[in-house]
């Protein structure tokens, strides 16, 4: 299960992504469209999600990551998912 834990009958993930880098910062954007794989339990789209990721190396030992995910559930009354926003911040230290 994922967002709400009720997606036990499968999930189709259709997505498109684009990335680039500028002044040492790598950028990645991904758009997802989530649908069910089992029309017996829920028919239709679960929702869509937009992801942004920024990564940067500060030196040979330290790098950082900022990641944002914004999920928007479809408005169907029987949709088992809910809107959700998640932010990750990570610092990696290699030694």
N, C-alpha and C. Protein backbone atom coordinates (compact mmCIF):
# COMPACT_ATOMS: atom_id res chain seq x y z
N UNK A 1 0.82 -1.19 0.00
CA UNK A 1 0.00 0.00 0.00
C UNK A 1 0.85 1.24 0.00
N UNK A 2 0.25 2.31 -0.42
CA UNK A 2 0.93 3.60 -0.43
C UNK A 2 0.03 4.59 0.28
N UNK A 3 -0.05 5.76 -0.14
CA UNK A 3 -0.83 6.87 0.38
C UNK A 3 -2.12 6.42 1.04
N UNK A 4 -2.31 5.98 2.10
CA UNK A 4 -3.58 5.51 2.64
C UNK A 4 -3.59 4.00 2.78
N UNK A 5 -2.68 3.30 2.13
CA UNK A 5 -2.51 1.88 2.32
C UNK A 5 -3.55 0.98 1.70
N UNK A 6 -4.45 1.49 0.85
CA UNK A 6 -5.54 0.67 0.33
C UNK A 6 -5.36 0.27 -1.14
N UNK A 7 -4.20 0.44 -1.71
CA UNK A 7 -4.01 0.17 -3.13
C UNK A 7 -3.47 -1.24 -3.35
N UNK A 8 -4.09 -2.22 -2.71
CA UNK A 8 -3.58 -3.58 -2.74
C UNK A 8 -3.77 -4.29 -4.07
N UNK A 9 -4.63 -3.77 -4.93
CA UNK A 9 -4.91 -4.45 -6.20
C UNK A 9 -4.11 -3.91 -7.37
N UNK A 10 -3.08 -3.15 -7.11
CA UNK A 10 -2.20 -2.73 -8.17
C UNK A 10 -2.31 -1.27 -8.53
N UNK A 11 -1.27 -0.78 -9.16
CA UNK A 11 -1.15 0.63 -9.50
C UNK A 11 -0.44 0.75 -10.84
N UNK A 12 -1.00 1.55 -11.74
CA UNK A 12 -0.33 1.88 -12.99
C UNK A 12 0.22 3.29 -12.85
N UNK A 13 1.48 3.47 -13.17
CA UNK A 13 2.17 4.75 -13.05
C UNK A 13 2.63 5.19 -14.43
N UNK A 14 1.96 6.19 -14.98
CA UNK A 14 2.36 6.78 -16.25
C UNK A 14 3.08 8.07 -15.90
N UNK A 15 4.29 8.27 -16.44
CA UNK A 15 5.03 9.46 -16.04
C UNK A 15 5.88 10.01 -17.18
N UNK A 16 6.24 11.29 -17.00
CA UNK A 16 7.16 11.97 -17.89
C UNK A 16 8.12 12.75 -17.00
N UNK A 17 9.38 12.78 -17.41
CA UNK A 17 10.36 13.48 -16.60
C UNK A 17 11.32 14.28 -17.46
N UNK A 18 11.89 15.32 -16.83
CA UNK A 18 12.88 16.16 -17.50
C UNK A 18 13.88 16.61 -16.45
N UNK A 19 15.12 16.72 -16.86
CA UNK A 19 16.15 17.14 -15.93
C UNK A 19 17.20 17.99 -16.61
N UNK A 20 17.93 18.75 -15.81
CA UNK A 20 19.01 19.57 -16.30
C UNK A 20 19.91 19.91 -15.13
N UNK A 21 20.96 20.65 -15.38
CA UNK A 21 21.80 21.14 -14.30
C UNK A 21 22.22 22.56 -14.62
N UNK A 22 22.48 23.33 -13.56
CA UNK A 22 22.86 24.73 -13.71
C UNK A 22 23.71 25.13 -12.51
N UNK A 23 24.91 25.58 -12.78
CA UNK A 23 25.83 26.04 -11.73
C UNK A 23 26.01 25.03 -10.61
N UNK A 24 26.19 23.78 -10.99
CA UNK A 24 26.47 22.73 -10.02
C UNK A 24 25.26 22.12 -9.35
N UNK A 25 24.06 22.57 -9.68
CA UNK A 25 22.84 22.03 -9.09
C UNK A 25 22.11 21.21 -10.16
N UNK A 26 21.87 19.93 -9.86
CA UNK A 26 21.11 19.07 -10.78
C UNK A 26 19.64 19.18 -10.41
N UNK A 27 18.79 19.31 -11.42
CA UNK A 27 17.35 19.48 -11.23
C UNK A 27 16.61 18.39 -11.98
N UNK A 28 15.61 17.80 -11.35
CA UNK A 28 14.78 16.79 -11.98
C UNK A 28 13.32 17.07 -11.65
N UNK A 29 12.46 17.07 -12.66
CA UNK A 29 11.02 17.23 -12.46
C UNK A 29 10.33 16.02 -13.08
N UNK A 30 9.35 15.46 -12.35
CA UNK A 30 8.62 14.28 -12.82
C UNK A 30 7.14 14.50 -12.57
N UNK A 31 6.31 14.23 -13.59
CA UNK A 31 4.86 14.27 -13.45
C UNK A 31 4.34 12.84 -13.56
N UNK A 32 3.55 12.39 -12.57
CA UNK A 32 2.98 11.04 -12.56
C UNK A 32 1.46 11.11 -12.68
N UNK A 33 0.88 10.15 -13.38
CA UNK A 33 -0.56 9.94 -13.38
C UNK A 33 -0.78 8.50 -12.91
N UNK A 34 -1.48 8.34 -11.79
CA UNK A 34 -1.68 7.03 -11.19
C UNK A 34 -3.10 6.54 -11.47
N UNK A 35 -3.21 5.30 -11.96
CA UNK A 35 -4.50 4.67 -12.22
C UNK A 35 -4.53 3.29 -11.57
N UNK A 36 -5.73 2.75 -11.41
CA UNK A 36 -5.88 1.42 -10.84
C UNK A 36 -5.63 0.36 -11.91
N UNK A 37 -5.23 -0.82 -11.47
CA UNK A 37 -5.11 -1.96 -12.39
C UNK A 37 -6.25 -2.94 -12.21
N UNK A 38 -7.17 -2.68 -11.28
CA UNK A 38 -8.27 -3.59 -11.00
C UNK A 38 -9.58 -2.81 -10.95
N UNK A 39 -10.39 -2.89 -12.01
CA UNK A 39 -11.65 -2.15 -12.09
C UNK A 39 -12.72 -2.72 -11.17
N UNK A 40 -12.48 -3.88 -10.54
CA UNK A 40 -13.48 -4.47 -9.64
C UNK A 40 -13.56 -3.75 -8.30
N UNK A 41 -12.47 -3.10 -7.88
CA UNK A 41 -12.47 -2.44 -6.58
C UNK A 41 -12.60 -0.93 -6.67
N UNK A 42 -12.04 -0.34 -7.73
CA UNK A 42 -12.11 1.11 -7.91
C UNK A 42 -11.85 1.40 -9.38
N UNK A 43 -12.75 2.12 -10.01
CA UNK A 43 -12.56 2.46 -11.42
C UNK A 43 -12.13 3.91 -11.52
N UNK A 44 -11.08 4.16 -12.27
CA UNK A 44 -10.67 5.53 -12.52
C UNK A 44 -9.26 5.83 -12.07
N UNK A 45 -8.93 7.11 -12.10
CA UNK A 45 -7.62 7.57 -11.72
C UNK A 45 -7.54 7.73 -10.20
N UNK A 46 -6.40 7.37 -9.64
CA UNK A 46 -6.17 7.68 -8.23
C UNK A 46 -5.85 9.16 -8.09
N UNK A 47 -5.00 9.65 -8.96
CA UNK A 47 -4.63 11.06 -8.91
C UNK A 47 -3.33 11.29 -9.65
N UNK A 48 -2.75 12.46 -9.43
CA UNK A 48 -1.50 12.81 -10.10
C UNK A 48 -0.52 13.36 -9.07
N UNK A 49 0.75 13.31 -9.45
CA UNK A 49 1.79 13.77 -8.53
C UNK A 49 2.86 14.52 -9.31
N UNK A 50 3.36 15.58 -8.72
CA UNK A 50 4.44 16.37 -9.29
C UNK A 50 5.62 16.29 -8.33
N UNK A 51 6.78 15.87 -8.83
CA UNK A 51 7.99 15.73 -8.02
C UNK A 51 9.06 16.69 -8.52
N UNK A 52 9.77 17.31 -7.58
CA UNK A 52 10.93 18.14 -7.89
C UNK A 52 12.10 17.64 -7.05
N UNK A 53 13.27 17.55 -7.67
CA UNK A 53 14.45 17.12 -6.93
C UNK A 53 15.63 18.01 -7.31
N UNK A 54 16.34 18.49 -6.29
CA UNK A 54 17.54 19.30 -6.47
C UNK A 54 18.68 18.60 -5.75
N UNK A 55 19.82 18.39 -6.42
CA UNK A 55 20.98 17.81 -5.79
C UNK A 55 22.21 18.66 -6.10
N UNK A 56 23.14 18.69 -5.13
CA UNK A 56 24.36 19.46 -5.33
C UNK A 56 25.49 18.86 -4.52
N UNK A 57 26.66 18.76 -5.14
CA UNK A 57 27.87 18.39 -4.41
C UNK A 57 28.57 19.67 -4.00
N UNK A 58 28.92 19.75 -2.71
CA UNK A 58 29.59 20.94 -2.21
C UNK A 58 31.11 20.78 -2.27
N UNK A 59 31.58 19.57 -2.08
CA UNK A 59 32.98 19.21 -2.27
C UNK A 59 33.03 17.70 -2.45
N UNK A 60 34.22 17.12 -2.41
CA UNK A 60 34.31 15.67 -2.67
C UNK A 60 33.71 14.83 -1.56
N UNK A 61 33.42 15.41 -0.40
CA UNK A 61 32.89 14.65 0.73
C UNK A 61 31.44 14.97 1.09
N UNK A 62 30.94 16.12 0.69
CA UNK A 62 29.61 16.57 1.14
C UNK A 62 28.71 16.88 -0.06
N UNK A 63 27.50 16.31 -0.04
CA UNK A 63 26.48 16.63 -1.06
C UNK A 63 25.14 16.77 -0.36
N UNK A 64 24.20 17.38 -1.05
CA UNK A 64 22.88 17.58 -0.46
C UNK A 64 21.78 17.29 -1.46
N UNK A 65 20.58 17.04 -0.94
CA UNK A 65 19.42 16.75 -1.76
C UNK A 65 18.19 17.42 -1.14
N UNK A 66 17.37 18.02 -1.98
CA UNK A 66 16.06 18.53 -1.59
C UNK A 66 15.06 17.93 -2.55
N UNK A 67 14.04 17.29 -2.01
CA UNK A 67 13.04 16.63 -2.85
C UNK A 67 11.65 16.99 -2.34
N UNK A 68 10.75 17.33 -3.27
CA UNK A 68 9.38 17.71 -2.94
C UNK A 68 8.43 16.87 -3.79
N UNK A 69 7.41 16.30 -3.15
CA UNK A 69 6.38 15.53 -3.86
C UNK A 69 5.02 16.11 -3.50
N UNK A 70 4.23 16.44 -4.51
CA UNK A 70 2.90 17.02 -4.31
C UNK A 70 1.90 16.11 -5.01
N UNK A 71 1.11 15.38 -4.21
CA UNK A 71 0.13 14.44 -4.73
C UNK A 71 -1.26 15.06 -4.63
N UNK A 72 -2.02 14.97 -5.72
CA UNK A 72 -3.38 15.49 -5.77
C UNK A 72 -4.32 14.34 -6.14
N UNK A 73 -5.13 13.91 -5.17
CA UNK A 73 -6.04 12.79 -5.38
C UNK A 73 -7.20 13.20 -6.30
N UNK A 74 -7.65 12.26 -7.13
CA UNK A 74 -8.84 12.48 -7.95
C UNK A 74 -10.05 12.69 -7.03
N UNK A 75 -11.02 13.47 -7.45
CA UNK A 75 -12.15 13.84 -6.59
C UNK A 75 -13.25 12.80 -6.48
N UNK A 76 -13.07 11.61 -7.00
CA UNK A 76 -14.11 10.57 -6.91
C UNK A 76 -14.38 10.22 -5.45
N UNK A 77 -15.66 10.00 -5.11
CA UNK A 77 -16.04 9.73 -3.72
C UNK A 77 -15.43 8.47 -3.16
N UNK A 78 -15.21 7.45 -4.00
CA UNK A 78 -14.67 6.19 -3.50
C UNK A 78 -13.16 6.04 -3.69
N UNK A 79 -12.48 7.14 -4.02
CA UNK A 79 -11.02 7.10 -4.18
C UNK A 79 -10.38 6.87 -2.80
N UNK A 80 -9.58 5.81 -2.64
CA UNK A 80 -8.99 5.52 -1.33
C UNK A 80 -7.77 6.37 -0.99
N UNK A 81 -7.34 7.28 -1.88
CA UNK A 81 -6.17 8.12 -1.61
C UNK A 81 -6.58 9.53 -1.21
N UNK A 82 -5.64 10.27 -0.64
CA UNK A 82 -5.88 11.65 -0.21
C UNK A 82 -4.74 12.53 -0.69
N UNK A 83 -5.00 13.84 -0.78
CA UNK A 83 -3.95 14.79 -1.13
C UNK A 83 -2.82 14.72 -0.11
N UNK A 84 -1.59 14.91 -0.59
CA UNK A 84 -0.46 14.81 0.32
C UNK A 84 0.73 15.59 -0.24
N UNK A 85 1.47 16.26 0.65
CA UNK A 85 2.71 16.95 0.29
C UNK A 85 3.81 16.43 1.19
N UNK A 86 4.97 16.10 0.59
CA UNK A 86 6.09 15.55 1.34
C UNK A 86 7.36 16.27 0.91
N UNK A 87 8.22 16.60 1.88
CA UNK A 87 9.50 17.26 1.61
C UNK A 87 10.60 16.45 2.28
N UNK A 88 11.68 16.18 1.53
CA UNK A 88 12.86 15.50 2.07
C UNK A 88 14.04 16.46 1.96
N UNK A 89 14.87 16.51 2.99
CA UNK A 89 16.14 17.24 2.96
C UNK A 89 17.19 16.26 3.46
N UNK A 90 18.26 16.10 2.68
CA UNK A 90 19.27 15.12 3.06
C UNK A 90 20.67 15.70 2.80
N UNK A 91 21.57 15.45 3.73
CA UNK A 91 22.99 15.77 3.57
C UNK A 91 23.76 14.46 3.60
N UNK A 92 24.58 14.22 2.59
CA UNK A 92 25.40 13.02 2.52
C UNK A 92 26.85 13.39 2.79
N UNK A 93 27.49 12.63 3.67
CA UNK A 93 28.90 12.85 3.99
C UNK A 93 29.64 11.56 3.70
N UNK A 94 30.62 11.64 2.81
CA UNK A 94 31.45 10.49 2.46
C UNK A 94 32.82 10.63 3.10
N UNK A 95 33.28 9.55 3.68
CA UNK A 95 34.63 9.59 4.27
C UNK A 95 35.32 8.26 4.11
